[in-house]
Amino acid sequence: ALEVAVQLAGMAQAAIRWTKHTLNHWYRQAGPIFDASLAYEFYGFGGPDAAEGLASHREKRPPTFTGPTSE
């Protein structure tokens, strides 16, 4: 991390400032999407397909998913 900081310190500060501003703006815009994605991922972990996926992996067999296909 220190090596990167030293490299950045030697670069054009205005360009770094505006790049950081742009990335932070993008992150603030995308934040709710990341939150929703994480929530859906955890929602899926609790379903029957997650348990079947783990069991089939442990038992070295193809999975048989029976969970809902649309909601």
N, C-alpha and C. Protein backbone atom coordinates (compact mmCIF):
# COMPACT_ATOMS: atom_id res chain seq x y z
N ALA A 1 0.83 -1.19 0.00
CA ALA A 1 0.00 0.00 0.00
C ALA A 1 0.87 1.25 0.00
N LEU A 2 1.96 1.20 0.74
CA LEU A 2 2.85 2.36 0.79
C LEU A 2 3.46 2.63 -0.58
N GLU A 3 3.81 1.57 -1.30
CA GLU A 3 4.39 1.74 -2.63
C GLU A 3 3.40 2.43 -3.57
N VAL A 4 2.15 2.03 -3.50
CA VAL A 4 1.12 2.66 -4.33
C VAL A 4 0.95 4.12 -3.93
N ALA A 5 0.94 4.40 -2.64
CA ALA A 5 0.80 5.78 -2.17
C ALA A 5 1.94 6.65 -2.66
N VAL A 6 3.14 6.12 -2.65
CA VAL A 6 4.31 6.87 -3.13
C VAL A 6 4.17 7.15 -4.62
N GLN A 7 3.73 6.15 -5.38
CA GLN A 7 3.52 6.35 -6.81
C GLN A 7 2.46 7.42 -7.08
N LEU A 8 1.36 7.34 -6.36
CA LEU A 8 0.28 8.31 -6.55
C LEU A 8 0.73 9.72 -6.17
N ALA A 9 1.55 9.83 -5.15
CA ALA A 9 2.02 11.15 -4.71
C ALA A 9 2.84 11.84 -5.80
N GLY A 10 3.46 11.07 -6.68
CA GLY A 10 4.28 11.65 -7.74
C GLY A 10 3.51 11.96 -9.01
N MET A 11 2.22 11.70 -9.02
CA MET A 11 1.41 11.92 -10.21
C MET A 11 0.69 13.26 -10.13
N ALA A 12 0.04 13.62 -11.23
CA ALA A 12 -0.71 14.88 -11.30
C ALA A 12 -1.86 14.84 -10.29
N GLN A 13 -1.79 15.70 -9.30
CA GLN A 13 -2.76 15.66 -8.20
C GLN A 13 -4.17 16.02 -8.65
N ALA A 14 -4.30 16.94 -9.60
CA ALA A 14 -5.65 17.29 -10.08
C ALA A 14 -6.29 16.08 -10.75
N ALA A 15 -5.53 15.35 -11.55
CA ALA A 15 -6.08 14.17 -12.23
C ALA A 15 -6.49 13.11 -11.22
N ILE A 16 -5.67 12.91 -10.20
CA ILE A 16 -6.00 11.93 -9.16
C ILE A 16 -7.25 12.37 -8.40
N ARG A 17 -7.33 13.65 -8.08
CA ARG A 17 -8.49 14.18 -7.35
C ARG A 17 -9.78 13.93 -8.13
N TRP A 18 -9.78 14.23 -9.44
CA TRP A 18 -10.99 14.07 -10.23
C TRP A 18 -11.30 12.60 -10.50
N THR A 19 -10.28 11.79 -10.61
CA THR A 19 -10.51 10.35 -10.75
C THR A 19 -11.15 9.80 -9.48
N LYS A 20 -10.64 10.21 -8.33
CA LYS A 20 -11.22 9.78 -7.06
C LYS A 20 -12.66 10.26 -6.93
N HIS A 21 -12.90 11.50 -7.32
CA HIS A 21 -14.26 12.06 -7.27
C HIS A 21 -15.20 11.23 -8.15
N THR A 22 -14.75 10.90 -9.36
CA THR A 22 -15.57 10.12 -10.29
C THR A 22 -15.86 8.73 -9.73
N LEU A 23 -14.84 8.07 -9.20
CA LEU A 23 -15.04 6.74 -8.65
C LEU A 23 -15.96 6.76 -7.43
N ASN A 24 -15.80 7.75 -6.57
CA ASN A 24 -16.68 7.86 -5.41
C ASN A 24 -18.12 8.12 -5.83
N HIS A 25 -18.30 8.96 -6.85
CA HIS A 25 -19.65 9.24 -7.35
C HIS A 25 -20.28 7.96 -7.91
N TRP A 26 -19.50 7.23 -8.70
CA TRP A 26 -20.00 5.97 -9.26
C TRP A 26 -20.37 5.00 -8.13
N TYR A 27 -19.53 4.91 -7.12
CA TYR A 27 -19.79 3.99 -6.01
C TYR A 27 -21.07 4.38 -5.27
N ARG A 28 -21.27 5.68 -5.05
CA ARG A 28 -22.49 6.12 -4.37
C ARG A 28 -23.73 5.78 -5.20
N GLN A 29 -23.62 5.91 -6.51
CA GLN A 29 -24.75 5.58 -7.39
C GLN A 29 -25.02 4.08 -7.38
N ALA A 30 -23.95 3.27 -7.37
CA ALA A 30 -24.09 1.82 -7.47
C ALA A 30 -24.34 1.16 -6.11
N GLY A 31 -24.18 1.88 -5.03
CA GLY A 31 -24.34 1.30 -3.70
C GLY A 31 -25.64 0.55 -3.49
N PRO A 32 -26.79 1.14 -3.83
CA PRO A 32 -28.05 0.42 -3.64
C PRO A 32 -28.13 -0.87 -4.46
N ILE A 33 -27.51 -0.88 -5.63
CA ILE A 33 -27.50 -2.09 -6.45
C ILE A 33 -26.70 -3.18 -5.76
N PHE A 34 -25.55 -2.82 -5.19
CA PHE A 34 -24.75 -3.79 -4.46
C PHE A 34 -25.52 -4.32 -3.25
N ASP A 35 -26.23 -3.44 -2.55
CA ASP A 35 -27.01 -3.87 -1.39
C ASP A 35 -28.09 -4.86 -1.79
N ALA A 36 -28.81 -4.56 -2.87
CA ALA A 36 -29.87 -5.46 -3.34
C ALA A 36 -29.29 -6.80 -3.78
N SER A 37 -28.17 -6.76 -4.48
CA SER A 37 -27.53 -7.99 -4.95
C SER A 37 -27.14 -8.87 -3.77
N LEU A 38 -26.57 -8.27 -2.75
CA LEU A 38 -26.17 -9.03 -1.56
C LEU A 38 -27.38 -9.62 -0.85
N ALA A 39 -28.46 -8.84 -0.77
CA ALA A 39 -29.67 -9.32 -0.13
C ALA A 39 -30.24 -10.52 -0.88
N TYR A 40 -30.29 -10.44 -2.21
CA TYR A 40 -30.80 -11.57 -2.99
C TYR A 40 -29.90 -12.80 -2.86
N GLU A 41 -28.61 -12.56 -2.77
CA GLU A 41 -27.68 -13.68 -2.60
C GLU A 41 -27.94 -14.40 -1.28
N PHE A 42 -28.12 -13.65 -0.21
CA PHE A 42 -28.40 -14.26 1.09
C PHE A 42 -29.78 -14.92 1.10
N TYR A 43 -30.72 -14.33 0.38
CA TYR A 43 -32.05 -14.93 0.27
C TYR A 43 -31.93 -16.32 -0.35
N GLY A 44 -31.08 -16.44 -1.37
CA GLY A 44 -30.90 -17.72 -2.03
C GLY A 44 -30.21 -18.76 -1.17
N PHE A 45 -29.37 -18.32 -0.24
CA PHE A 45 -28.65 -19.26 0.62
C PHE A 45 -29.60 -20.04 1.52
N GLY A 46 -30.76 -19.49 1.80
CA GLY A 46 -31.69 -20.14 2.72
C GLY A 46 -32.66 -21.08 2.05
N GLY A 47 -32.64 -21.15 0.73
CA GLY A 47 -33.61 -21.97 0.02
C GLY A 47 -33.20 -23.43 -0.11
N PRO A 48 -34.13 -24.24 -0.59
CA PRO A 48 -33.86 -25.67 -0.73
C PRO A 48 -32.78 -25.97 -1.77
N ASP A 49 -32.65 -25.11 -2.77
CA ASP A 49 -31.64 -25.37 -3.80
C ASP A 49 -30.22 -25.24 -3.25
N ALA A 50 -30.02 -24.34 -2.29
CA ALA A 50 -28.69 -24.20 -1.68
C ALA A 50 -28.32 -25.47 -0.93
N ALA A 51 -29.26 -26.00 -0.17
CA ALA A 51 -29.01 -27.24 0.58
C ALA A 51 -28.76 -28.40 -0.38
N GLU A 52 -29.53 -28.46 -1.45
CA GLU A 52 -29.35 -29.53 -2.44
C GLU A 52 -28.01 -29.41 -3.15
N GLY A 53 -27.60 -28.19 -3.44
CA GLY A 53 -26.31 -27.98 -4.08
C GLY A 53 -25.16 -28.47 -3.21
N LEU A 54 -25.21 -28.16 -1.93
CA LEU A 54 -24.17 -28.63 -1.01
C LEU A 54 -24.20 -30.15 -0.86
N ALA A 55 -25.40 -30.70 -0.71
CA ALA A 55 -25.52 -32.16 -0.53
C ALA A 55 -25.01 -32.89 -1.77
N SER A 56 -25.38 -32.42 -2.95
CA SER A 56 -24.94 -33.10 -4.17
C SER A 56 -23.43 -33.00 -4.34
N HIS A 57 -22.85 -31.90 -3.92
CA HIS A 57 -21.40 -31.75 -4.00
C HIS A 57 -20.71 -32.73 -3.04
N ARG A 58 -21.21 -32.81 -1.82
CA ARG A 58 -20.63 -33.73 -0.83
C ARG A 58 -20.76 -35.19 -1.30
N GLU A 59 -21.91 -35.49 -1.90
CA GLU A 59 -22.18 -36.87 -2.32
C GLU A 59 -21.67 -37.17 -3.73
N LYS A 60 -21.05 -36.17 -4.35
CA LYS A 60 -20.47 -36.32 -5.70
C LYS A 60 -21.50 -36.86 -6.69
N ARG A 61 -22.64 -36.18 -6.74
CA ARG A 61 -23.70 -36.56 -7.67
C ARG A 61 -24.28 -35.30 -8.30
N PRO A 62 -24.96 -35.43 -9.41
CA PRO A 62 -25.59 -34.24 -10.00
C PRO A 62 -26.71 -33.73 -9.09
N PRO A 63 -26.88 -32.42 -9.00
CA PRO A 63 -27.95 -31.88 -8.14
C PRO A 63 -29.31 -32.03 -8.79
N THR A 64 -30.32 -32.12 -7.95
CA THR A 64 -31.71 -32.11 -8.40
C THR A 64 -32.38 -30.92 -7.72
N PHE A 65 -32.43 -29.81 -8.44
CA PHE A 65 -32.99 -28.59 -7.87
C PHE A 65 -34.50 -28.59 -7.99
N THR A 66 -35.18 -28.28 -6.89
CA THR A 66 -36.65 -28.29 -6.87
C THR A 66 -37.23 -26.96 -6.43
N GLY A 67 -36.38 -25.99 -6.21
CA GLY A 67 -36.85 -24.69 -5.75
C GLY A 67 -37.66 -23.96 -6.81
N PRO A 68 -38.27 -22.85 -6.43
CA PRO A 68 -39.09 -22.09 -7.38
C PRO A 68 -38.24 -21.56 -8.54
N THR A 69 -38.86 -21.49 -9.71
CA THR A 69 -38.15 -20.98 -10.88
C THR A 69 -38.45 -19.53 -11.15
N SER A 70 -39.47 -19.00 -10.51
CA SER A 70 -39.77 -17.57 -10.66
C SER A 70 -40.54 -17.08 -9.45
N GLU A 71 -40.30 -15.82 -9.09
CA GLU A 71 -41.01 -15.22 -7.96
C GLU A 71 -41.18 -13.76 -8.22
